[in-house]
Amino acid sequence: MTTIPWEDQLVERPVDPATLDQIKGEMRQYARAYRLREMRLARAMTQIDVAQELGIGQNRVSQIERGDNSDTGSSAGEVFWVRESRWRGTAPVPR
């Protein structure tokens, strides 16, 4: 198997920095969604429990956990992350 240097790959297939930033943001969004679900399960909470605590609907919690952060999803997910961090005494919301 031949390895092609990164610089040569960029010459053959240029990458738009804006597109790359967009893709990175989407990856962070899905990673946060996965972490939110893992925290919920670790606390033996249902989506309904989380929804009641955040004052949102269960369907919105489901959307957030799937990575759909349109509307207010991102802020709701971050609120839960901050609360979870306080309960565990750990760091604030990751960026």
C-alpha atoms as a PDB file:
ATOM      1  CA  MET A   1       0.000   0.000   0.000  1.00  0.00           C
ATOM      2  CA  THR A   2       1.389   3.371  -1.040  1.00  0.00           C
ATOM      3  CA  THR A   3       0.957   6.394   1.159  1.00  0.00           C
ATOM      4  CA  ILE A   4       0.463   9.713  -0.615  1.00  0.00           C
ATOM      5  CA  PRO A   5       1.732  12.754   1.304  1.00  0.00           C
ATOM      6  CA  TRP A   6      -0.971  15.128   2.552  1.00  0.00           C
ATOM      7  CA  GLU A   7       0.435  18.032   0.528  1.00  0.00           C
ATOM      8  CA  ASP A   8       0.144  15.991  -2.697  1.00  0.00           C
ATOM      9  CA  GLN A   9      -3.414  15.042  -1.858  1.00  0.00           C
ATOM     10  CA  LEU A  10      -4.323  18.708  -1.368  1.00  0.00           C
ATOM     11  CA  VAL A  11      -2.910  19.541  -4.800  1.00  0.00           C
ATOM     12  CA  GLU A  12      -5.025  16.822  -6.421  1.00  0.00           C
ATOM     13  CA  ARG A  13      -8.136  17.516  -4.360  1.00  0.00           C
ATOM     14  CA  PRO A  14      -8.147  21.049  -2.912  1.00  0.00           C
ATOM     15  CA  VAL A  15     -10.197  21.596   0.237  1.00  0.00           C
ATOM     16  CA  ASP A  16     -12.279  24.707   0.772  1.00  0.00           C
ATOM     17  CA  PRO A  17     -11.545  25.989   4.323  1.00  0.00           C
ATOM     18  CA  ALA A  18     -15.186  27.072   4.804  1.00  0.00           C
ATOM     19  CA  THR A  19     -16.432  23.608   3.854  1.00  0.00           C
ATOM     20  CA  LEU A  20     -13.899  22.011   6.172  1.00  0.00           C
ATOM     21  CA  ASP A  21     -15.025  24.243   9.063  1.00  0.00           C
ATOM     22  CA  GLN A  22     -18.655  23.340   8.356  1.00  0.00           C
ATOM     23  CA  ILE A  23     -17.856  19.625   8.426  1.00  0.00           C
ATOM     24  CA  LYS A  24     -15.892  20.020  11.674  1.00  0.00           C
ATOM     25  CA  GLY A  25     -18.874  21.811  13.234  1.00  0.00           C
ATOM     26  CA  GLU A  26     -21.206  19.014  12.195  1.00  0.00           C
ATOM     27  CA  MET A  27     -18.862  16.420  13.669  1.00  0.00           C
ATOM     28  CA  ARG A  28     -18.726  18.324  16.978  1.00  0.00           C
ATOM     29  CA  GLN A  29     -22.525  18.541  16.945  1.00  0.00           C
ATOM     30  CA  TYR A  30     -22.891  14.768  16.579  1.00  0.00           C
ATOM     31  CA  ALA A  31     -20.205  14.106  19.199  1.00  0.00           C
ATOM     32  CA  ARG A  32     -22.034  16.378  21.661  1.00  0.00           C
ATOM     33  CA  ALA A  33     -25.323  14.649  20.873  1.00  0.00           C
ATOM     34  CA  TYR A  34     -23.753  11.244  21.552  1.00  0.00           C
ATOM     35  CA  ARG A  35     -22.247  12.494  24.832  1.00  0.00           C
ATOM     36  CA  LEU A  36     -25.583  13.932  25.936  1.00  0.00           C
ATOM     37  CA  ARG A  37     -27.245  10.558  25.384  1.00  0.00           C
ATOM     38  CA  GLU A  38     -24.447   8.772  27.253  1.00  0.00           C
ATOM     39  CA  MET A  39     -24.779  11.146  30.231  1.00  0.00           C
ATOM     40  CA  ARG A  40     -28.532  10.622  30.292  1.00  0.00           C
ATOM     41  CA  LEU A  41     -28.170   6.852  30.257  1.00  0.00           C
ATOM     42  CA  ALA A  42     -25.430   6.951  32.915  1.00  0.00           C
ATOM     43  CA  ARG A  43     -27.873   8.741  35.211  1.00  0.00           C
ATOM     44  CA  ALA A  44     -30.612   6.224  34.354  1.00  0.00           C
ATOM     45  CA  MET A  45     -32.793   9.037  33.033  1.00  0.00           C
ATOM     46  CA  THR A  46     -35.351   8.733  30.283  1.00  0.00           C
ATOM     47  CA  GLN A  47     -35.756  11.310  27.560  1.00  0.00           C
ATOM     48  CA  ILE A  48     -38.942  12.356  29.344  1.00  0.00           C
ATOM     49  CA  ASP A  49     -36.967  12.976  32.570  1.00  0.00           C
ATOM     50  CA  VAL A  50     -34.497  15.186  30.713  1.00  0.00           C
ATOM     51  CA  ALA A  51     -37.289  16.991  28.883  1.00  0.00           C
ATOM     52  CA  GLN A  52     -39.073  17.799  32.135  1.00  0.00           C
ATOM     53  CA  GLU A  53     -35.857  19.045  33.712  1.00  0.00           C
ATOM     54  CA  LEU A  54     -35.092  21.315  30.762  1.00  0.00           C
ATOM     55  CA  GLY A  55     -38.676  22.405  30.148  1.00  0.00           C
ATOM     56  CA  ILE A  56     -38.787  21.059  26.599  1.00  0.00           C
ATOM     57  CA  GLY A  57     -40.634  18.211  24.896  1.00  0.00           C
ATOM     58  CA  GLN A  58     -39.392  14.618  24.780  1.00  0.00           C
ATOM     59  CA  ASN A  59     -39.366  14.762  20.990  1.00  0.00           C
ATOM     60  CA  ARG A  60     -36.924  17.690  21.206  1.00  0.00           C
ATOM     61  CA  VAL A  61     -34.597  15.670  23.468  1.00  0.00           C
ATOM     62  CA  SER A  62     -34.697  12.908  20.865  1.00  0.00           C
ATOM     63  CA  GLN A  63     -33.828  15.405  18.125  1.00  0.00           C
ATOM     64  CA  ILE A  64     -30.927  16.779  20.158  1.00  0.00           C
ATOM     65  CA  GLU A  65     -29.582  13.282  20.793  1.00  0.00           C
ATOM     66  CA  ARG A  66     -29.706  12.594  17.050  1.00  0.00           C
ATOM     67  CA  GLY A  67     -27.668  15.740  16.417  1.00  0.00           C
ATOM     68  CA  ASP A  68     -30.505  17.939  15.149  1.00  0.00           C
ATOM     69  CA  ASN A  69     -29.546  21.199  16.810  1.00  0.00           C
ATOM     70  CA  SER A  70     -31.771  23.449  14.784  1.00  0.00           C
ATOM     71  CA  ASP A  71     -33.933  25.905  16.709  1.00  0.00           C
ATOM     72  CA  THR A  72     -32.961  25.835  20.400  1.00  0.00           C
ATOM     73  CA  GLY A  73     -31.537  22.324  20.494  1.00  0.00           C
ATOM     74  CA  SER A  74     -27.949  23.349  20.955  1.00  0.00           C
ATOM     75  CA  SER A  75     -28.721  25.560  23.928  1.00  0.00           C
ATOM     76  CA  ALA A  76     -30.926  22.899  25.530  1.00  0.00           C
ATOM     77  CA  GLY A  77     -28.169  20.327  25.113  1.00  0.00           C
ATOM     78  CA  GLU A  78     -25.650  22.719  26.616  1.00  0.00           C
ATOM     79  CA  VAL A  79     -27.943  23.419  29.574  1.00  0.00           C
ATOM     80  CA  PHE A  80     -28.087  19.707  30.312  1.00  0.00           C
ATOM     81  CA  TRP A  81     -24.311  19.410  29.863  1.00  0.00           C
ATOM     82  CA  VAL A  82     -23.722  22.244  32.372  1.00  0.00           C
ATOM     83  CA  ARG A  83     -26.097  20.674  34.895  1.00  0.00           C
ATOM     84  CA  GLU A  84     -24.425  17.297  34.472  1.00  0.00           C
ATOM     85  CA  SER A  85     -20.990  18.901  34.908  1.00  0.00           C
ATOM     86  CA  ARG A  86     -22.114  20.570  38.121  1.00  0.00           C
ATOM     87  CA  TRP A  87     -23.488  17.285  39.481  1.00  0.00           C
ATOM     88  CA  ARG A  88     -20.161  15.586  38.750  1.00  0.00           C
ATOM     89  CA  GLY A  89     -18.018  18.615  39.596  1.00  0.00           C
ATOM     90  CA  THR A  90     -16.291  18.579  36.220  1.00  0.00           C
ATOM     91  CA  ALA A  91     -15.450  21.047  33.494  1.00  0.00           C
ATOM     92  CA  PRO A  92     -17.982  23.328  31.749  1.00  0.00           C
ATOM     93  CA  VAL A  93     -19.493  22.851  28.296  1.00  0.00           C
ATOM     94  CA  PRO A  94     -16.917  21.670  25.729  1.00  0.00           C
ATOM     95  CA  ARG A  95     -16.463  23.820  22.625  1.00  0.00           C
END
